[in-house]
């Protein structure tokens, strides 16, 4: 890994980078469970909130990626501001959903993002759509509806019902916002990938820190900043570098050689792996339900239907 920002040698190289990014992203549930579940490692105490984890994850990941940025690559355009804001919102929503509810629900709902990428590209950027694309959108929407319906609280208590509804909405919202972030990264692909990633991650840490100050006051911020233990800091640093910094750098770089839609479909490897790690660590809280299997299968089928060429079209580059 160097500070240079040459694009991948070929689309094939970009696709390999995207596969690696998806595998590293899938470790999100591992780090969340290490820091929040009693696994016998002593890392769950004191309990860190999802937003605090997002703060440190962005800080450590951003500082690491910043070391890859050359001085002449530091640029700024007004479009970068909404990109950083949306990246912050995406991180907060996703980690909050992971921390408050079943990992599979949040993961599969966020990974409706390729569908939103397609919709935004057609409706906002004016790119052409096709019949298979719209059919895929309907399939994926059905999958998301199945997950939401299956995870809808049967209502043990009003408080628990509200909590579960909020988690589902967070999952959907993180998918929509993630799609917007992908489009911003694609639009800004002429800028250095390391700089864009560092800007997003450090910007996330700064904005979350300001949110803590505004919502809880300076005293609470000072208390939160001193909360993690040294072992927790090690895990947070590893999470920032391995689960955020490196994969986002690989992903952003790859957008120079492949389209946003193709990048989104390749990284669907993440939702296949993420619930597996969560289940292996905490099977008592993360057992997949039939609705998760069915809804997730529909979402994956939708994206395969849109992007994987069938035999009759393979010779023409179909799909």
C-alpha atoms as a PDB file:
ATOM      1  CA  UNK A   1       0.000   0.000   0.000  1.00  0.00           C
ATOM      2  CA  UNK A   2       1.577   3.273  -1.078  1.00  0.00           C
ATOM      3  CA  UNK A   3       0.720   6.935  -0.996  1.00  0.00           C
ATOM      4  CA  UNK A   4       0.465   6.956  -4.786  1.00  0.00           C
ATOM      5  CA  UNK A   5      -2.982   7.179  -6.261  1.00  0.00           C
ATOM      6  CA  UNK A   6      -2.646   5.336  -9.561  1.00  0.00           C
ATOM      7  CA  UNK A   7      -5.878   3.575 -10.521  1.00  0.00           C
ATOM      8  CA  UNK A   8      -5.984  -0.221 -10.588  1.00  0.00           C
ATOM      9  CA  UNK A   9      -4.229  -1.708 -13.627  1.00  0.00           C
ATOM     10  CA  UNK A  10      -7.465  -3.245 -14.876  1.00  0.00           C
ATOM     11  CA  UNK A  11     -11.131  -3.731 -13.965  1.00  0.00           C
ATOM     12  CA  UNK A  12     -10.112  -7.221 -12.807  1.00  0.00           C
ATOM     13  CA  UNK A  13      -7.690  -5.712 -10.298  1.00  0.00           C
ATOM     14  CA  UNK A  14     -10.397  -3.329  -9.103  1.00  0.00           C
ATOM     15  CA  UNK A  15     -12.812  -6.235  -8.607  1.00  0.00           C
ATOM     16  CA  UNK A  16     -10.254  -8.102  -6.498  1.00  0.00           C
ATOM     17  CA  UNK A  17      -9.821  -4.974  -4.360  1.00  0.00           C
ATOM     18  CA  UNK A  18     -13.608  -4.823  -3.924  1.00  0.00           C
ATOM     19  CA  UNK A  19     -13.746  -8.458  -2.781  1.00  0.00           C
ATOM     20  CA  UNK A  20     -11.046  -7.760  -0.177  1.00  0.00           C
ATOM     21  CA  UNK A  21     -12.896  -4.608   0.923  1.00  0.00           C
ATOM     22  CA  UNK A  22     -16.103  -6.618   1.405  1.00  0.00           C
ATOM     23  CA  UNK A  23     -14.318  -9.235   3.529  1.00  0.00           C
ATOM     24  CA  UNK A  24     -12.791  -6.529   5.753  1.00  0.00           C
ATOM     25  CA  UNK A  25     -16.111  -4.679   6.036  1.00  0.00           C
ATOM     26  CA  UNK A  26     -17.777  -7.901   7.175  1.00  0.00           C
ATOM     27  CA  UNK A  27     -15.674  -7.787  10.349  1.00  0.00           C
ATOM     28  CA  UNK A  28     -17.914  -4.988  11.662  1.00  0.00           C
ATOM     29  CA  UNK A  29     -20.112  -7.367  13.641  1.00  0.00           C
ATOM     30  CA  UNK A  30     -16.988  -9.043  15.070  1.00  0.00           C
ATOM     31  CA  UNK A  31     -15.668  -5.774  16.518  1.00  0.00           C
ATOM     32  CA  UNK A  32     -19.122  -4.740  17.775  1.00  0.00           C
ATOM     33  CA  UNK A  33     -19.579  -8.064  19.575  1.00  0.00           C
ATOM     34  CA  UNK A  34     -16.055  -7.969  21.026  1.00  0.00           C
ATOM     35  CA  UNK A  35     -16.762  -4.558  22.543  1.00  0.00           C
ATOM     36  CA  UNK A  36     -20.367  -5.085  23.644  1.00  0.00           C
ATOM     37  CA  UNK A  37     -20.911  -8.776  24.481  1.00  0.00           C
ATOM     38  CA  UNK A  38     -19.599 -10.855  27.431  1.00  0.00           C
ATOM     39  CA  UNK A  39     -17.288 -13.186  25.495  1.00  0.00           C
ATOM     40  CA  UNK A  40     -14.888 -13.818  28.372  1.00  0.00           C
ATOM     41  CA  UNK A  41     -12.305 -11.306  27.143  1.00  0.00           C
ATOM     42  CA  UNK A  42     -13.268  -8.456  29.468  1.00  0.00           C
ATOM     43  CA  UNK A  43     -13.708  -6.034  26.556  1.00  0.00           C
ATOM     44  CA  UNK A  44     -17.393  -5.357  27.170  1.00  0.00           C
ATOM     45  CA  UNK A  45     -16.772  -3.304  30.335  1.00  0.00           C
ATOM     46  CA  UNK A  46     -17.182  -0.423  30.510  1.00  0.00           C
ATOM     47  CA  UNK A  47     -19.972  -0.589  27.948  1.00  0.00           C
ATOM     48  CA  UNK A  48     -19.277   1.609  24.909  1.00  0.00           C
ATOM     49  CA  UNK A  49     -22.207   3.111  23.029  1.00  0.00           C
ATOM     50  CA  UNK A  50     -22.476   2.538  19.254  1.00  0.00           C
ATOM     51  CA  UNK A  51     -21.896   6.249  18.592  1.00  0.00           C
ATOM     52  CA  UNK A  52     -18.771   6.255  20.736  1.00  0.00           C
ATOM     53  CA  UNK A  53     -17.465   3.245  18.823  1.00  0.00           C
ATOM     54  CA  UNK A  54     -18.235   5.090  15.563  1.00  0.00           C
ATOM     55  CA  UNK A  55     -16.319   8.124  16.873  1.00  0.00           C
ATOM     56  CA  UNK A  56     -13.134   6.201  17.661  1.00  0.00           C
ATOM     57  CA  UNK A  57     -13.455   3.998  14.587  1.00  0.00           C
ATOM     58  CA  UNK A  58     -13.568   7.065  12.347  1.00  0.00           C
ATOM     59  CA  UNK A  59     -10.743   8.784  14.248  1.00  0.00           C
ATOM     60  CA  UNK A  60      -8.286   5.878  14.151  1.00  0.00           C
ATOM     61  CA  UNK A  61      -9.175   4.880  10.603  1.00  0.00           C
ATOM     62  CA  UNK A  62      -8.930   8.448   9.349  1.00  0.00           C
ATOM     63  CA  UNK A  63      -5.567   9.125  11.002  1.00  0.00           C
ATOM     64  CA  UNK A  64      -4.147   5.928   9.517  1.00  0.00           C
ATOM     65  CA  UNK A  65      -5.343   6.707   5.983  1.00  0.00           C
ATOM     66  CA  UNK A  66      -4.101  10.287   6.349  1.00  0.00           C
ATOM     67  CA  UNK A  67      -0.546   8.915   6.447  1.00  0.00           C
ATOM     68  CA  UNK A  68      -1.087   7.735   2.837  1.00  0.00           C
ATOM     69  CA  UNK A  69      -2.008  11.216   1.583  1.00  0.00           C
ATOM     70  CA  UNK A  70       0.611  13.374  -0.120  1.00  0.00           C
ATOM     71  CA  UNK A  71       0.490  17.115   0.404  1.00  0.00           C
ATOM     72  CA  UNK A  72      -0.340  17.800  -3.240  1.00  0.00           C
ATOM     73  CA  UNK A  73      -3.364  15.480  -2.989  1.00  0.00           C
ATOM     74  CA  UNK A  74      -5.094  17.627  -0.351  1.00  0.00           C
ATOM     75  CA  UNK A  75      -7.874  19.336  -2.291  1.00  0.00           C
ATOM     76  CA  UNK A  76     -11.320  20.680  -1.521  1.00  0.00           C
ATOM     77  CA  UNK A  77     -14.567  21.235  -3.395  1.00  0.00           C
ATOM     78  CA  UNK A  78     -17.970  22.173  -1.940  1.00  0.00           C
ATOM     79  CA  UNK A  79     -19.363  18.763  -2.977  1.00  0.00           C
ATOM     80  CA  UNK A  80     -17.156  17.154  -0.319  1.00  0.00           C
ATOM     81  CA  UNK A  81     -19.196  18.746   2.492  1.00  0.00           C
ATOM     82  CA  UNK A  82     -22.468  16.843   1.913  1.00  0.00           C
ATOM     83  CA  UNK A  83     -20.417  13.688   1.264  1.00  0.00           C
ATOM     84  CA  UNK A  84     -18.844  13.898   4.736  1.00  0.00           C
ATOM     85  CA  UNK A  85     -22.194  14.700   6.371  1.00  0.00           C
ATOM     86  CA  UNK A  86     -23.870  11.717   4.718  1.00  0.00           C
ATOM     87  CA  UNK A  87     -20.949   9.431   5.595  1.00  0.00           C
ATOM     88  CA  UNK A  88     -21.331  10.452   9.247  1.00  0.00           C
ATOM     89  CA  UNK A  89     -25.073   9.788   9.207  1.00  0.00           C
ATOM     90  CA  UNK A  90     -24.511   6.404   7.536  1.00  0.00           C
ATOM     91  CA  UNK A  91     -21.938   5.322  10.145  1.00  0.00           C
ATOM     92  CA  UNK A  92     -24.111   6.425  13.057  1.00  0.00           C
ATOM     93  CA  UNK A  93     -27.249   4.718  11.758  1.00  0.00           C
ATOM     94  CA  UNK A  94     -25.528   1.461  10.858  1.00  0.00           C
ATOM     95  CA  UNK A  95     -23.547   1.023  14.073  1.00  0.00           C
ATOM     96  CA  UNK A  96     -26.569   1.993  16.160  1.00  0.00           C
ATOM     97  CA  UNK A  97     -28.655  -0.633  14.351  1.00  0.00           C
ATOM     98  CA  UNK A  98     -25.909  -3.242  14.837  1.00  0.00           C
ATOM     99  CA  UNK A  99     -25.601  -2.401  18.520  1.00  0.00           C
ATOM    100  CA  UNK A 100     -29.316  -2.318  19.308  1.00  0.00           C
ATOM    101  CA  UNK A 101     -30.730  -5.172  17.222  1.00  0.00           C
ATOM    102  CA  UNK A 102     -30.024  -8.399  15.374  1.00  0.00           C
ATOM    103  CA  UNK A 103     -26.985  -8.045  13.120  1.00  0.00           C
ATOM    104  CA  UNK A 104     -28.623  -9.751  10.127  1.00  0.00           C
ATOM    105  CA  UNK A 105     -31.525  -7.276  10.043  1.00  0.00           C
ATOM    106  CA  UNK A 106     -29.248  -4.220   9.944  1.00  0.00           C
ATOM    107  CA  UNK A 107     -26.804  -5.800   7.505  1.00  0.00           C
ATOM    108  CA  UNK A 108     -29.303  -6.980   4.919  1.00  0.00           C
ATOM    109  CA  UNK A 109     -31.293  -3.757   5.084  1.00  0.00           C
ATOM    110  CA  UNK A 110     -28.181  -1.614   4.621  1.00  0.00           C
ATOM    111  CA  UNK A 111     -27.236  -3.769   1.668  1.00  0.00           C
ATOM    112  CA  UNK A 112     -30.303  -2.681  -0.229  1.00  0.00           C
ATOM    113  CA  UNK A 113     -27.902   0.166  -1.122  1.00  0.00           C
ATOM    114  CA  UNK A 114     -27.140  -1.153  -4.652  1.00  0.00           C
ATOM    115  CA  UNK A 115     -30.845  -0.836  -5.417  1.00  0.00           C
ATOM    116  CA  UNK A 116     -30.841   2.763  -4.223  1.00  0.00           C
ATOM    117  CA  UNK A 117     -27.655   3.382  -6.229  1.00  0.00           C
ATOM    118  CA  UNK A 118     -29.488   2.216  -9.338  1.00  0.00           C
ATOM    119  CA  UNK A 119     -32.559   4.325  -8.591  1.00  0.00           C
ATOM    120  CA  UNK A 120     -30.521   7.461  -7.839  1.00  0.00           C
ATOM    121  CA  UNK A 121     -28.377   6.978 -10.939  1.00  0.00           C
ATOM    122  CA  UNK A 122     -31.479   6.780 -13.138  1.00  0.00           C
ATOM    123  CA  UNK A 123     -33.683   9.376 -11.447  1.00  0.00           C
ATOM    124  CA  UNK A 124     -31.083  11.914 -10.316  1.00  0.00           C
ATOM    125  CA  UNK A 125     -28.038  11.490 -12.568  1.00  0.00           C
ATOM    126  CA  UNK A 126     -30.149  10.782 -15.652  1.00  0.00           C
ATOM    127  CA  UNK A 127     -28.501   7.480 -16.534  1.00  0.00           C
ATOM    128  CA  UNK A 128     -30.518   5.067 -18.652  1.00  0.00           C
ATOM    129  CA  UNK A 129     -32.432   2.229 -16.986  1.00  0.00           C
ATOM    130  CA  UNK A 130     -33.599  -1.084 -18.402  1.00  0.00           C
ATOM    131  CA  UNK A 131     -36.289  -3.676 -17.759  1.00  0.00           C
ATOM    132  CA  UNK A 132     -34.015  -6.013 -15.808  1.00  0.00           C
ATOM    133  CA  UNK A 133     -32.934  -3.105 -13.662  1.00  0.00           C
ATOM    134  CA  UNK A 134     -36.459  -2.185 -12.663  1.00  0.00           C
ATOM    135  CA  UNK A 135     -37.330  -5.848 -12.082  1.00  0.00           C
ATOM    136  CA  UNK A 136     -34.340  -6.053  -9.753  1.00  0.00           C
ATOM    137  CA  UNK A 137     -35.524  -2.991  -7.864  1.00  0.00           C
ATOM    138  CA  UNK A 138     -38.920  -4.619  -7.263  1.00  0.00           C
ATOM    139  CA  UNK A 139     -37.331  -7.902  -6.124  1.00  0.00           C
ATOM    140  CA  UNK A 140     -35.012  -6.143  -3.683  1.00  0.00           C
ATOM    141  CA  UNK A 141     -37.841  -3.969  -2.362  1.00  0.00           C
ATOM    142  CA  UNK A 142     -39.816  -7.165  -1.716  1.00  0.00           C
ATOM    143  CA  UNK A 143     -36.815  -8.613   0.138  1.00  0.00           C
ATOM    144  CA  UNK A 144     -36.514  -5.546   2.348  1.00  0.00           C
ATOM    145  CA  UNK A 145     -40.271  -5.683   3.042  1.00  0.00           C
ATOM    146  CA  UNK A 146     -39.981  -9.353   4.097  1.00  0.00           C
ATOM    147  CA  UNK A 147     -37.154  -8.540   6.533  1.00  0.00           C
ATOM    148  CA  UNK A 148     -39.040  -5.594   7.996  1.00  0.00           C
ATOM    149  CA  UNK A 149     -42.247  -7.616   8.304  1.00  0.00           C
ATOM    150  CA  UNK A 150     -40.411 -10.572   9.845  1.00  0.00           C
ATOM    151  CA  UNK A 151     -38.593  -8.359  12.312  1.00  0.00           C
ATOM    152  CA  UNK A 152     -41.649  -6.297  13.203  1.00  0.00           C
ATOM    153  CA  UNK A 153     -42.204  -6.601  16.944  1.00  0.00           C
ATOM    154  CA  UNK A 154     -45.022  -8.841  18.062  1.00  0.00           C
ATOM    155  CA  UNK A 155     -44.979  -6.656  21.130  1.00  0.00           C
ATOM    156  CA  UNK A 156     -43.759  -7.849  24.441  1.00  0.00           C
ATOM    157  CA  UNK A 157     -43.842  -4.243  25.671  1.00  0.00           C
ATOM    158  CA  UNK A 158     -44.420  -0.835  24.068  1.00  0.00           C
ATOM    159  CA  UNK A 159     -40.834   0.186  24.842  1.00  0.00           C
ATOM    160  CA  UNK A 160     -39.353  -2.920  23.202  1.00  0.00           C
ATOM    161  CA  UNK A 161     -41.662  -2.490  20.229  1.00  0.00           C
ATOM    162  CA  UNK A 162     -40.500   1.085  19.683  1.00  0.00           C
ATOM    163  CA  UNK A 163     -36.858  -0.008  19.966  1.00  0.00           C
ATOM    164  CA  UNK A 164     -37.217  -2.749  17.350  1.00  0.00           C
ATOM    165  CA  UNK A 165     -39.071  -0.456  14.953  1.00  0.00           C
ATOM    166  CA  UNK A 166     -36.304   2.139  15.281  1.00  0.00           C
ATOM    167  CA  UNK A 167     -33.648  -0.517  14.538  1.00  0.00           C
ATOM    168  CA  UNK A 168     -35.452  -1.549  11.352  1.00  0.00           C
ATOM    169  CA  UNK A 169     -35.771   2.066  10.221  1.00  0.00           C
ATOM    170  CA  UNK A 170     -32.076   2.625  10.956  1.00  0.00           C
ATOM    171  CA  UNK A 171     -31.180  -0.316   8.734  1.00  0.00           C
ATOM    172  CA  UNK A 172     -33.237   0.984   5.820  1.00  0.00           C
ATOM    173  CA  UNK A 173     -31.997   4.534   6.333  1.00  0.00           C
ATOM    174  CA  UNK A 174     -28.345   3.467   6.399  1.00  0.00           C
ATOM    175  CA  UNK A 175     -28.859   1.717   3.050  1.00  0.00           C
ATOM    176  CA  UNK A 176     -30.304   4.831   1.428  1.00  0.00           C
ATOM    177  CA  UNK A 177     -27.572   7.087   2.811  1.00  0.00           C
ATOM    178  CA  UNK A 178     -24.846   4.592   1.876  1.00  0.00           C
ATOM    179  CA  UNK A 179     -26.064   4.688  -1.724  1.00  0.00           C
ATOM    180  CA  UNK A 180     -25.754   8.475  -1.728  1.00  0.00           C
ATOM    181  CA  UNK A 181     -22.190   8.193  -0.359  1.00  0.00           C
ATOM    182  CA  UNK A 182     -21.257   5.751  -3.147  1.00  0.00           C
ATOM    183  CA  UNK A 183     -22.522   8.200  -5.773  1.00  0.00           C
ATOM    184  CA  UNK A 184     -20.541  11.048  -4.208  1.00  0.00           C
ATOM    185  CA  UNK A 185     -17.377   8.909  -4.226  1.00  0.00           C
ATOM    186  CA  UNK A 186     -17.982   8.090  -7.880  1.00  0.00           C
ATOM    187  CA  UNK A 187     -18.501  11.771  -8.791  1.00  0.00           C
ATOM    188  CA  UNK A 188     -15.306  12.717  -6.917  1.00  0.00           C
ATOM    189  CA  UNK A 189     -13.192   9.844  -8.307  1.00  0.00           C
ATOM    190  CA  UNK A 190     -10.708  12.286  -9.909  1.00  0.00           C
ATOM    191  CA  UNK A 191      -9.519  13.182  -6.386  1.00  0.00           C
ATOM    192  CA  UNK A 192      -7.073  11.017  -4.429  1.00  0.00           C
ATOM    193  CA  UNK A 193      -8.866   8.028  -2.905  1.00  0.00           C
ATOM    194  CA  UNK A 194      -6.846   8.207   0.318  1.00  0.00           C
ATOM    195  CA  UNK A 195      -7.759  11.873   0.767  1.00  0.00           C
ATOM    196  CA  UNK A 196     -11.488  11.246   0.246  1.00  0.00           C
ATOM    197  CA  UNK A 197     -11.466   8.388   2.761  1.00  0.00           C
ATOM    198  CA  UNK A 198      -9.442  10.325   5.346  1.00  0.00           C
ATOM    199  CA  UNK A 199     -11.794  13.278   4.941  1.00  0.00           C
ATOM    200  CA  UNK A 200     -14.850  11.085   5.476  1.00  0.00           C
ATOM    201  CA  UNK A 201     -13.490   9.225   8.487  1.00  0.00           C
ATOM    202  CA  UNK A 202     -11.965  12.196  10.311  1.00  0.00           C
ATOM    203  CA  UNK A 203     -15.015  14.284   9.413  1.00  0.00           C
ATOM    204  CA  UNK A 204     -17.197  11.591  10.966  1.00  0.00           C
ATOM    205  CA  UNK A 205     -15.172  11.650  14.184  1.00  0.00           C
ATOM    206  CA  UNK A 206     -15.329  15.465  14.383  1.00  0.00           C
ATOM    207  CA  UNK A 207     -19.068  15.627  13.711  1.00  0.00           C
ATOM    208  CA  UNK A 208     -19.873  12.861  16.198  1.00  0.00           C
ATOM    209  CA  UNK A 209     -17.719  14.619  18.782  1.00  0.00           C
ATOM    210  CA  UNK A 210     -19.619  17.852  18.201  1.00  0.00           C
ATOM    211  CA  UNK A 211     -22.910  15.967  18.464  1.00  0.00           C
ATOM    212  CA  UNK A 212     -21.855  14.593  21.855  1.00  0.00           C
ATOM    213  CA  UNK A 213     -20.896  18.087  23.025  1.00  0.00           C
ATOM    214  CA  UNK A 214     -24.211  19.592  21.936  1.00  0.00           C
ATOM    215  CA  UNK A 215     -26.423  16.784  23.237  1.00  0.00           C
ATOM    216  CA  UNK A 216     -24.681  15.905  26.504  1.00  0.00           C
ATOM    217  CA  UNK A 217     -22.477  18.880  27.346  1.00  0.00           C
ATOM    218  CA  UNK A 218     -18.683  19.246  27.699  1.00  0.00           C
ATOM    219  CA  UNK A 219     -18.555  17.223  30.922  1.00  0.00           C
ATOM    220  CA  UNK A 220     -20.171  14.230  29.282  1.00  0.00           C
ATOM    221  CA  UNK A 221     -17.804  14.490  26.310  1.00  0.00           C
ATOM    222  CA  UNK A 222     -14.765  14.473  28.585  1.00  0.00           C
ATOM    223  CA  UNK A 223     -16.175  11.443  30.394  1.00  0.00           C
ATOM    224  CA  UNK A 224     -16.862   9.605  27.126  1.00  0.00           C
ATOM    225  CA  UNK A 225     -13.401  10.420  25.772  1.00  0.00           C
ATOM    226  CA  UNK A 226     -11.801   8.787  28.825  1.00  0.00           C
ATOM    227  CA  UNK A 227     -14.146   5.789  28.930  1.00  0.00           C
ATOM    228  CA  UNK A 228     -12.361   3.080  26.886  1.00  0.00           C
ATOM    229  CA  UNK A 229      -9.778   0.922  28.650  1.00  0.00           C
ATOM    230  CA  UNK A 230      -6.357   0.304  27.016  1.00  0.00           C
ATOM    231  CA  UNK A 231      -7.475  -3.109  25.614  1.00  0.00           C
ATOM    232  CA  UNK A 232     -10.607  -1.454  24.229  1.00  0.00           C
ATOM    233  CA  UNK A 233      -8.471   1.232  22.581  1.00  0.00           C
ATOM    234  CA  UNK A 234      -6.482  -1.522  20.829  1.00  0.00           C
ATOM    235  CA  UNK A 235      -9.689  -3.089  19.488  1.00  0.00           C
ATOM    236  CA  UNK A 236     -11.052   0.328  18.442  1.00  0.00           C
ATOM    237  CA  UNK A 237      -7.816   1.135  16.605  1.00  0.00           C
ATOM    238  CA  UNK A 238      -7.872  -2.227  14.820  1.00  0.00           C
ATOM    239  CA  UNK A 239     -11.515  -1.657  13.901  1.00  0.00           C
ATOM    240  CA  UNK A 240     -10.761   1.813  12.532  1.00  0.00           C
ATOM    241  CA  UNK A 241      -7.843   0.642  10.396  1.00  0.00           C
ATOM    242  CA  UNK A 242      -8.970  -2.824   9.257  1.00  0.00           C
ATOM    243  CA  UNK A 243     -12.751  -2.456   9.099  1.00  0.00           C
ATOM    244  CA  UNK A 244     -13.023   1.159   7.935  1.00  0.00           C
ATOM    245  CA  UNK A 245      -9.816   2.766   6.680  1.00  0.00           C
ATOM    246  CA  UNK A 246      -8.337   0.057   4.447  1.00  0.00           C
ATOM    247  CA  UNK A 247     -11.610  -1.245   2.897  1.00  0.00           C
ATOM    248  CA  UNK A 248     -12.921   2.250   2.119  1.00  0.00           C
ATOM    249  CA  UNK A 249      -9.587   3.122   0.525  1.00  0.00           C
ATOM    250  CA  UNK A 250      -9.790  -0.026  -1.625  1.00  0.00           C
ATOM    251  CA  UNK A 251     -13.426   0.686  -2.493  1.00  0.00           C
ATOM    252  CA  UNK A 252     -12.890   4.347  -3.405  1.00  0.00           C
ATOM    253  CA  UNK A 253      -9.835   3.488  -5.525  1.00  0.00           C
ATOM    254  CA  UNK A 254     -11.772   0.812  -7.395  1.00  0.00           C
ATOM    255  CA  UNK A 255     -14.486   3.278  -8.435  1.00  0.00           C
ATOM    256  CA  UNK A 256     -11.987   4.629 -10.989  1.00  0.00           C
ATOM    257  CA  UNK A 257     -12.121   1.356 -12.925  1.00  0.00           C
ATOM    258  CA  UNK A 258     -15.664   0.029 -12.342  1.00  0.00           C
ATOM    259  CA  UNK A 259     -19.092   1.634 -12.077  1.00  0.00           C
ATOM    260  CA  UNK A 260     -20.791   2.398  -8.783  1.00  0.00           C
ATOM    261  CA  UNK A 261     -23.437  -0.228  -9.567  1.00  0.00           C
ATOM    262  CA  UNK A 262     -20.844  -2.949 -10.187  1.00  0.00           C
ATOM    263  CA  UNK A 263     -18.895  -2.019  -7.059  1.00  0.00           C
ATOM    264  CA  UNK A 264     -22.075  -2.252  -5.001  1.00  0.00           C
ATOM    265  CA  UNK A 265     -22.975  -5.716  -6.292  1.00  0.00           C
ATOM    266  CA  UNK A 266     -19.471  -7.138  -5.714  1.00  0.00           C
ATOM    267  CA  UNK A 267     -19.407  -5.938  -2.118  1.00  0.00           C
ATOM    268  CA  UNK A 268     -22.586  -7.906  -1.418  1.00  0.00           C
ATOM    269  CA  UNK A 269     -20.117 -10.500  -0.194  1.00  0.00           C
ATOM    270  CA  UNK A 270     -20.231  -8.499   3.054  1.00  0.00           C
ATOM    271  CA  UNK A 271     -23.847  -9.274   4.045  1.00  0.00           C
ATOM    272  CA  UNK A 272     -23.196 -12.971   3.427  1.00  0.00           C
ATOM    273  CA  UNK A 273     -20.256 -13.012   5.858  1.00  0.00           C
ATOM    274  CA  UNK A 274     -21.271 -10.453   8.479  1.00  0.00           C
ATOM    275  CA  UNK A 275     -24.165 -12.379  10.075  1.00  0.00           C
ATOM    276  CA  UNK A 276     -22.008 -15.515  10.050  1.00  0.00           C
ATOM    277  CA  UNK A 277     -19.369 -13.842  12.227  1.00  0.00           C
ATOM    278  CA  UNK A 278     -22.076 -12.418  14.496  1.00  0.00           C
ATOM    279  CA  UNK A 279     -23.755 -15.812  14.872  1.00  0.00           C
ATOM    280  CA  UNK A 280     -20.456 -17.584  15.633  1.00  0.00           C
ATOM    281  CA  UNK A 281     -19.668 -15.078  18.395  1.00  0.00           C
ATOM    282  CA  UNK A 282     -23.158 -14.647  19.868  1.00  0.00           C
ATOM    283  CA  UNK A 283     -25.510 -17.403  18.624  1.00  0.00           C
ATOM    284  CA  UNK A 284     -27.969 -16.705  21.452  1.00  0.00           C
ATOM    285  CA  UNK A 285     -28.743 -13.190  20.134  1.00  0.00           C
ATOM    286  CA  UNK A 286     -27.971 -13.419  16.416  1.00  0.00           C
ATOM    287  CA  UNK A 287     -29.737 -16.553  15.206  1.00  0.00           C
ATOM    288  CA  UNK A 288     -31.058 -15.778  11.693  1.00  0.00           C
ATOM    289  CA  UNK A 289     -34.822 -16.040  11.285  1.00  0.00           C
ATOM    290  CA  UNK A 290     -36.696 -17.458   8.267  1.00  0.00           C
ATOM    291  CA  UNK A 291     -37.663 -13.897   7.305  1.00  0.00           C
ATOM    292  CA  UNK A 292     -33.991 -12.878   7.249  1.00  0.00           C
ATOM    293  CA  UNK A 293     -33.105 -15.845   5.021  1.00  0.00           C
ATOM    294  CA  UNK A 294     -36.003 -15.215   2.639  1.00  0.00           C
ATOM    295  CA  UNK A 295     -35.605 -11.438   2.501  1.00  0.00           C
ATOM    296  CA  UNK A 296     -31.820 -11.630   2.143  1.00  0.00           C
ATOM    297  CA  UNK A 297     -32.178 -14.219  -0.619  1.00  0.00           C
ATOM    298  CA  UNK A 298     -34.572 -11.958  -2.522  1.00  0.00           C
ATOM    299  CA  UNK A 299     -32.173  -9.010  -2.246  1.00  0.00           C
ATOM    300  CA  UNK A 300     -29.242 -11.084  -3.506  1.00  0.00           C
ATOM    301  CA  UNK A 301     -31.385 -12.599  -6.266  1.00  0.00           C
ATOM    302  CA  UNK A 302     -32.416  -9.110  -7.369  1.00  0.00           C
ATOM    303  CA  UNK A 303     -28.827  -7.997  -7.754  1.00  0.00           C
ATOM    304  CA  UNK A 304     -27.723 -11.209  -9.465  1.00  0.00           C
ATOM    305  CA  UNK A 305     -30.647 -10.825 -11.878  1.00  0.00           C
ATOM    306  CA  UNK A 306     -29.545  -7.277 -12.724  1.00  0.00           C
ATOM    307  CA  UNK A 307     -25.804  -7.678 -13.032  1.00  0.00           C
ATOM    308  CA  UNK A 308     -24.857 -11.307 -13.755  1.00  0.00           C
ATOM    309  CA  UNK A 309     -24.980 -12.086 -17.491  1.00  0.00           C
ATOM    310  CA  UNK A 310     -26.957 -15.126 -18.628  1.00  0.00           C
ATOM    311  CA  UNK A 311     -25.587 -17.578 -21.173  1.00  0.00           C
ATOM    312  CA  UNK A 312     -27.526 -16.153 -24.084  1.00  0.00           C
ATOM    313  CA  UNK A 313     -26.120 -12.692 -23.448  1.00  0.00           C
ATOM    314  CA  UNK A 314     -22.636 -13.619 -22.294  1.00  0.00           C
ATOM    315  CA  UNK A 315     -21.139 -13.414 -25.780  1.00  0.00           C
ATOM    316  CA  UNK A 316     -22.556  -9.904 -26.125  1.00  0.00           C
ATOM    317  CA  UNK A 317     -21.478  -8.784 -22.621  1.00  0.00           C
ATOM    318  CA  UNK A 318     -25.066  -9.112 -21.460  1.00  0.00           C
ATOM    319  CA  UNK A 319     -26.437  -8.157 -18.048  1.00  0.00           C
END
